Each structure stands twice: as C-alpha cells, then as structure tokens.
N, C-alpha and C. Protein backbone atom coordinates (compact mmCIF):
# COMPACT_ATOMS: atom_id res chain seq x y z
N MET A 1 -17.21 -28.23 73.26
CA MET A 1 -16.86 -28.21 71.75
C MET A 1 -15.94 -28.91 71.05
N ASP A 2 -16.18 -28.85 70.26
CA ASP A 2 -15.45 -30.05 69.06
C ASP A 2 -14.33 -28.83 68.68
N GLU A 3 -13.37 -29.82 68.83
CA GLU A 3 -12.13 -28.77 68.30
C GLU A 3 -12.04 -29.16 66.77
N LYS A 4 -12.07 -28.31 66.17
CA LYS A 4 -11.52 -28.18 64.12
C LYS A 4 -10.47 -27.95 63.76
N ARG A 5 -9.17 -27.85 64.65
CA ARG A 5 -8.18 -26.77 63.71
C ARG A 5 -7.33 -28.27 63.54
N LYS A 6 -6.26 -28.31 62.57
CA LYS A 6 -5.54 -29.24 62.32
C LYS A 6 -4.51 -29.38 62.94
N LEU A 7 -3.97 -27.97 63.89
CA LEU A 7 -2.90 -28.43 64.34
C LEU A 7 -3.22 -27.36 66.22
N PRO A 8 -2.31 -28.57 67.06
CA PRO A 8 -3.59 -27.08 68.22
C PRO A 8 -2.22 -26.02 68.11
N ARG A 9 -3.23 -24.92 68.80
CA ARG A 9 -2.06 -23.59 68.42
C ARG A 9 -1.91 -23.19 69.65
N HIS A 10 -0.88 -22.56 70.12
CA HIS A 10 -0.40 -21.94 71.07
C HIS A 10 -0.92 -20.70 71.18
N ARG A 11 -1.29 -20.50 73.12
CA ARG A 11 -1.04 -18.97 73.62
C ARG A 11 -0.08 -18.47 73.25
N THR A 12 -0.30 -17.14 72.85
CA THR A 12 1.17 -15.66 72.82
C THR A 12 -0.04 -14.62 73.04
N LEU A 13 0.91 -13.28 73.38
CA LEU A 13 -0.12 -11.96 72.60
C LEU A 13 1.48 -10.90 72.32
N LYS A 14 1.32 -11.31 70.65
CA LYS A 14 2.31 -10.91 70.12
C LYS A 14 1.99 -9.52 69.46
N ALA A 15 2.67 -7.97 69.12
CA ALA A 15 2.39 -7.26 68.38
C ALA A 15 2.61 -8.21 66.61
N GLY A 16 1.37 -7.68 66.18
CA GLY A 16 1.66 -7.98 64.38
C GLY A 16 1.18 -6.99 63.69
N SER A 17 1.23 -7.18 62.41
CA SER A 17 0.87 -6.65 61.99
C SER A 17 -0.17 -6.55 60.56
N ILE A 18 -1.11 -6.30 59.75
CA ILE A 18 -1.98 -6.50 59.12
C ILE A 18 -1.24 -6.31 57.17
N THR A 19 -0.61 -6.21 56.48
CA THR A 19 -0.79 -6.03 55.44
C THR A 19 -0.54 -6.48 53.79
N PHE A 20 -1.08 -5.07 53.27
CA PHE A 20 -1.86 -5.50 51.73
C PHE A 20 -1.86 -4.75 51.03
N ASN A 21 -1.74 -4.89 49.43
CA ASN A 21 -1.47 -3.58 48.30
C ASN A 21 -0.34 -2.75 48.61
N ARG A 22 0.83 -3.44 49.07
CA ARG A 22 1.35 -2.65 49.51
C ARG A 22 1.35 -1.69 50.90
N ALA A 23 0.45 -1.18 51.09
CA ALA A 23 0.09 -0.69 51.69
C ALA A 23 0.52 -0.77 53.44
N SER A 24 0.83 0.60 54.33
CA SER A 24 1.46 0.19 55.69
C SER A 24 0.64 -0.57 56.08
N GLY A 25 0.66 -1.18 57.12
CA GLY A 25 0.48 -2.29 58.24
C GLY A 25 -0.98 -1.76 59.22
N ILE A 26 -1.85 -2.42 59.47
CA ILE A 26 -2.69 -2.67 60.37
C ILE A 26 -2.39 -3.24 61.35
N ASP A 27 -2.50 -2.53 62.25
CA ASP A 27 -2.21 -3.43 64.20
C ASP A 27 -2.58 -3.98 64.07
N CYS A 28 -2.48 -5.13 64.63
CA CYS A 28 -3.35 -6.22 65.37
C CYS A 28 -2.12 -6.98 66.46
N ARG A 29 -3.29 -7.96 67.39
CA ARG A 29 -2.18 -8.31 68.65
C ARG A 29 -2.28 -10.31 67.57
N VAL A 30 -1.80 -10.96 67.95
CA VAL A 30 -1.77 -12.35 67.97
C VAL A 30 -2.22 -13.00 69.07
N ARG A 31 -3.34 -13.20 68.80
CA ARG A 31 -3.59 -13.99 70.57
C ARG A 31 -3.31 -15.62 70.45
N ASN A 32 -3.09 -16.75 69.60
CA ASN A 32 -2.44 -17.99 69.60
C ASN A 32 -2.65 -18.13 67.89
N MET A 33 -1.49 -19.39 68.02
CA MET A 33 -0.85 -19.52 67.02
C MET A 33 0.55 -20.97 66.33
N SER A 34 -0.59 -21.37 65.08
CA SER A 34 0.32 -23.24 65.56
C SER A 34 0.70 -22.75 63.81
N ALA A 35 1.10 -24.16 63.56
CA ALA A 35 2.12 -23.97 62.34
C ALA A 35 1.04 -24.03 60.98
N ALA A 36 -0.31 -24.06 61.31
CA ALA A 36 -0.92 -23.74 60.06
C ALA A 36 -2.16 -22.53 60.51
N GLY A 37 -2.45 -21.73 61.45
CA GLY A 37 -3.06 -20.32 61.23
C GLY A 37 -3.02 -19.87 62.71
N ALA A 38 -3.65 -18.84 62.77
CA ALA A 38 -3.57 -17.78 63.97
C ALA A 38 -5.02 -17.44 64.08
N CYS A 39 -5.67 -16.19 65.12
CA CYS A 39 -6.38 -15.93 66.03
C CYS A 39 -5.54 -14.93 66.10
N LEU A 40 -5.93 -13.52 65.30
CA LEU A 40 -6.06 -11.91 65.45
C LEU A 40 -6.83 -11.28 65.84
N GLU A 41 -6.24 -10.36 66.60
CA GLU A 41 -7.08 -9.12 67.42
C GLU A 41 -7.20 -7.56 66.86
N VAL A 42 -7.82 -7.49 66.12
CA VAL A 42 -7.93 -5.69 65.79
C VAL A 42 -9.45 -4.82 66.58
N ALA A 43 -8.78 -3.41 66.27
CA ALA A 43 -9.80 -2.47 66.48
C ALA A 43 -10.93 -2.73 66.10
N SER A 44 -10.97 -2.70 64.67
CA SER A 44 -12.02 -2.87 63.85
C SER A 44 -11.61 -3.32 62.60
N GLN A 45 -12.61 -4.40 61.80
CA GLN A 45 -12.82 -5.31 60.71
C GLN A 45 -12.43 -3.94 59.63
N VAL A 46 -13.10 -3.19 59.77
CA VAL A 46 -13.36 -2.28 58.10
C VAL A 46 -11.91 -2.26 58.24
N GLY A 47 -12.38 -2.71 55.95
CA GLY A 47 -11.57 -2.84 55.01
C GLY A 47 -10.24 -3.78 55.53
N ILE A 48 -9.91 -4.17 55.92
CA ILE A 48 -9.29 -5.81 56.01
C ILE A 48 -10.20 -6.75 55.52
N PRO A 49 -8.48 -7.20 54.16
CA PRO A 49 -9.80 -8.15 52.83
C PRO A 49 -9.58 -9.57 53.33
N ASP A 50 -10.06 -10.15 52.64
CA ASP A 50 -9.98 -11.78 52.95
C ASP A 50 -8.42 -12.21 52.89
N ASP A 51 -7.88 -11.86 51.79
CA ASP A 51 -6.09 -12.18 51.59
C ASP A 51 -5.57 -11.28 52.38
N PHE A 52 -3.95 -11.51 52.97
CA PHE A 52 -3.21 -10.56 53.15
C PHE A 52 -1.88 -11.02 53.25
N VAL A 53 -0.85 -10.44 54.43
CA VAL A 53 0.30 -10.88 54.96
C VAL A 53 0.16 -10.56 56.33
N LEU A 54 0.62 -11.41 57.16
CA LEU A 54 0.62 -10.93 58.42
C LEU A 54 2.36 -11.43 58.94
N VAL A 55 2.54 -10.17 59.30
CA VAL A 55 3.93 -9.58 60.11
C VAL A 55 3.99 -9.52 61.36
N VAL A 56 5.41 -10.50 61.87
CA VAL A 56 5.17 -10.79 63.60
C VAL A 56 6.95 -10.15 63.41
N GLU A 57 6.99 -8.62 63.85
CA GLU A 57 8.38 -8.35 63.93
C GLU A 57 9.35 -8.95 64.96
N VAL A 58 8.74 -8.99 65.47
CA VAL A 58 10.01 -9.73 66.94
C VAL A 58 10.83 -10.63 66.44
N ASP A 59 9.22 -11.53 65.45
CA ASP A 59 9.77 -13.46 65.29
C ASP A 59 10.36 -13.28 64.11
N HIS A 60 9.98 -12.02 63.65
CA HIS A 60 11.16 -12.63 62.17
C HIS A 60 10.17 -13.37 61.03
N PHE A 61 8.50 -13.11 60.97
CA PHE A 61 7.68 -13.63 60.80
C PHE A 61 6.97 -12.95 59.93
N LYS A 62 6.47 -13.77 58.38
CA LYS A 62 5.69 -12.98 57.37
C LYS A 62 5.88 -13.43 56.49
N GLN A 63 3.96 -14.23 56.82
CA GLN A 63 3.20 -14.96 56.22
C GLN A 63 2.04 -15.01 55.70
N PRO A 64 1.42 -15.14 54.38
CA PRO A 64 0.28 -15.03 53.46
C PRO A 64 -0.27 -15.72 54.42
N CYS A 65 -2.11 -14.81 54.53
CA CYS A 65 -3.10 -15.68 55.04
C CYS A 65 -4.19 -15.62 54.49
N HIS A 66 -5.24 -16.69 55.07
CA HIS A 66 -7.03 -16.23 54.56
C HIS A 66 -7.91 -16.36 55.68
N VAL A 67 -8.51 -15.40 55.64
CA VAL A 67 -9.52 -15.39 56.86
C VAL A 67 -10.49 -16.60 56.18
N ILE A 68 -10.43 -17.12 57.76
CA ILE A 68 -11.10 -18.32 57.87
C ILE A 68 -12.60 -18.00 58.66
N TRP A 69 -12.70 -17.25 59.56
CA TRP A 69 -13.66 -16.61 60.21
C TRP A 69 -13.15 -15.08 60.77
N ARG A 70 -14.14 -14.21 61.34
CA ARG A 70 -14.45 -12.71 61.84
C ARG A 70 -15.54 -13.04 62.53
N LYS A 71 -15.18 -12.18 63.98
CA LYS A 71 -15.76 -11.31 64.65
C LYS A 71 -15.50 -10.11 64.70
N PRO A 72 -16.27 -9.09 65.66
CA PRO A 72 -16.03 -8.26 65.61
C PRO A 72 -14.64 -7.77 66.13
N THR A 73 -13.87 -8.04 66.69
CA THR A 73 -12.35 -8.08 66.68
C THR A 73 -11.44 -8.74 66.69
N ARG A 74 -12.03 -9.70 66.18
CA ARG A 74 -11.11 -10.82 66.31
C ARG A 74 -11.18 -11.94 64.76
N MET A 75 -10.17 -12.18 64.24
CA MET A 75 -10.11 -13.17 62.68
C MET A 75 -9.52 -14.29 63.32
N GLY A 76 -9.82 -15.70 62.58
CA GLY A 76 -8.93 -16.72 62.42
C GLY A 76 -8.88 -16.21 60.79
N VAL A 77 -7.03 -17.31 60.91
CA VAL A 77 -6.31 -16.77 59.91
C VAL A 77 -5.98 -17.90 59.13
N ALA A 78 -5.91 -18.75 58.20
CA ALA A 78 -5.38 -20.09 57.88
C ALA A 78 -4.24 -19.53 57.05
N PHE A 79 -2.16 -20.38 57.24
CA PHE A 79 -1.55 -19.78 56.66
C PHE A 79 -1.52 -20.38 55.04
N HIS A 80 -0.72 -19.75 53.98
CA HIS A 80 -0.65 -20.28 52.45
C HIS A 80 0.82 -19.97 52.37
N ASP A 81 0.55 -20.36 50.85
CA ASP A 81 1.86 -19.98 50.34
C ASP A 81 1.70 -19.14 48.99
C-alpha cells in the first residue's frame, strides 16, 4: 500500500474530544498522530462536521482539524490553523 501522508504518524491511544459550535465535546480516541494530522476513532460519525477542534486534555493539545476521510467508526483529519 502506498503511503500518502506527508509526515509519519506515531501510534497512540489517547482519549480526545471533538468540539464545534461551542458545544460540549464528542468523545473520541486518538489512534495515531503526527504534526500534520491524526486518525480518530468514534462511536458514530453522526453529527460530526468536516471542520472541528480536536482536544486531547492529557497533552494540553487543542488543534483545528479538517476531515480528510471517513469510515464507519474512524476518520482521518488534517490539522490547520
């Protein structure tokens, strides 16, 4: 399989939160991450917009994201400013 990522991602398993419209977060798990993006695991894709803020409290990480791909319980996101 061809690698299409700009930067290699590092495996992880951290609790995260998807936030948008100043609403409370939707729980997710960060499966892997790089400086450019991440793979997130969610219970359901329902109601998750293409643009949101990913928050990983344990790392004091808060980053705007754009969804690049979606599967039933996973999504790939790219970080942007």
